[in-house]
Amino acid sequence: MARPTPKHIDRRARAFEYLVAFGLPFFVLRVWWPMASVFLAAGLCAAYIRLAAGKPDGFMIHAFYRMGLPVRGLLPRAVAKLGR
């Protein structure tokens, strides 16, 4: 009988991504609005966590592409040239 494998064995640790999602707006905005930067950074981090939770890697890039936003580097150059 095989030993059961944990369900989270392939799950990627996203703690660094969450830290960047909070830290970047916090450190950029704290110059102009010190107190508001905490709330805005926490809100943006919470939104990022909600959008990225349980989704595969690259989901947000494909979502931005589907919304019509310009996303560079999504397709290799050889494939992108076929569409021209």
Protein backbone atom coordinates (compact mmCIF):
# COMPACT_ATOMS: atom_id res chain seq x y z
CA MET A 1 0.00 0.00 0.00
CA ALA A 2 1.36 3.39 -0.99
CA ARG A 3 1.70 6.21 1.46
CA PRO A 4 -0.82 9.03 0.81
CA THR A 5 0.64 12.11 -0.83
CA PRO A 6 -0.23 15.54 0.60
CA LYS A 7 -2.48 17.64 -1.61
CA HIS A 8 -0.24 20.71 -1.30
CA ILE A 9 2.95 19.08 -2.61
CA ASP A 10 2.79 21.02 -5.90
CA ARG A 11 1.42 24.22 -4.41
CA ARG A 12 3.78 27.13 -4.83
CA ALA A 13 4.60 29.39 -1.92
CA ARG A 14 3.30 32.84 -2.79
CA ALA A 15 4.46 34.68 0.33
CA PHE A 16 7.03 36.71 -1.63
CA GLU A 17 4.40 37.76 -4.18
CA TYR A 18 2.09 38.91 -1.38
CA LEU A 19 4.93 40.82 0.23
CA VAL A 20 5.68 42.61 -3.04
CA ALA A 21 1.97 43.32 -3.59
CA PHE A 22 1.85 45.03 -0.19
CA GLY A 23 5.34 46.54 -0.04
CA LEU A 24 5.54 48.22 -3.42
CA PRO A 25 2.48 50.47 -3.06
CA PHE A 26 3.27 51.06 0.60
CA PHE A 27 6.79 52.34 0.01
CA VAL A 28 5.88 54.34 -3.08
CA LEU A 29 2.83 56.05 -1.59
CA ARG A 30 4.11 56.67 1.93
CA VAL A 31 5.95 59.77 0.73
CA TRP A 32 2.70 61.56 -0.20
CA TRP A 33 0.08 59.92 2.04
CA PRO A 34 1.69 58.10 4.99
CA MET A 35 -1.49 56.82 6.64
CA ALA A 36 -3.46 56.20 3.48
CA SER A 37 -0.58 54.17 2.04
CA VAL A 38 -1.11 51.49 4.69
CA PHE A 39 -4.79 51.09 3.86
CA LEU A 40 -4.28 51.29 0.10
CA ALA A 41 -1.41 48.80 0.18
CA ALA A 42 -3.45 46.41 2.33
CA GLY A 43 -6.40 46.74 -0.04
CA LEU A 44 -4.28 46.10 -3.12
CA CYS A 45 -2.61 43.13 -1.43
CA ALA A 46 -6.00 41.68 -0.46
CA ALA A 47 -7.26 42.13 -4.03
CA TYR A 48 -4.16 40.42 -5.40
CA ILE A 49 -4.54 37.52 -2.97
CA ARG A 50 -8.19 37.14 -3.93
CA LEU A 51 -7.41 37.19 -7.66
CA ALA A 52 -4.40 34.85 -7.45
CA ALA A 53 -5.65 32.32 -4.90
CA GLY A 54 -6.01 28.86 -6.41
CA LYS A 55 -5.11 30.00 -9.92
CA PRO A 56 -2.22 28.59 -12.00
CA ASP A 57 0.93 30.57 -12.67
CA GLY A 58 0.49 33.14 -15.42
CA PHE A 59 -3.26 33.50 -14.86
CA MET A 60 -3.11 37.26 -14.32
CA ILE A 61 -1.07 37.81 -17.49
CA HIS A 62 -3.64 35.93 -19.54
CA ALA A 63 -6.46 37.82 -17.82
CA PHE A 64 -4.84 41.14 -18.75
CA TYR A 65 -4.44 39.90 -22.33
CA ARG A 66 -8.14 38.93 -22.50
CA MET A 67 -9.08 42.42 -21.23
CA GLY A 68 -7.21 43.91 -24.18
CA LEU A 69 -4.26 45.34 -22.25
CA PRO A 70 -0.89 45.16 -24.03
CA VAL A 71 1.17 42.30 -22.61
CA ARG A 72 4.71 41.91 -23.91
CA GLY A 73 6.43 38.55 -23.88
CA LEU A 74 3.28 36.45 -23.68
CA LEU A 75 4.01 34.65 -26.94
CA PRO A 76 7.40 33.68 -28.34
CA ARG A 77 8.57 35.87 -31.23
CA ALA A 78 8.26 33.08 -33.79
CA VAL A 79 4.60 32.56 -32.91
CA ALA A 80 3.87 36.28 -32.70
CA LYS A 81 5.25 36.79 -36.21
CA LEU A 82 2.71 34.32 -37.60
CA GLY A 83 -0.12 36.62 -36.56
CA ARG A 84 1.21 39.61 -38.49
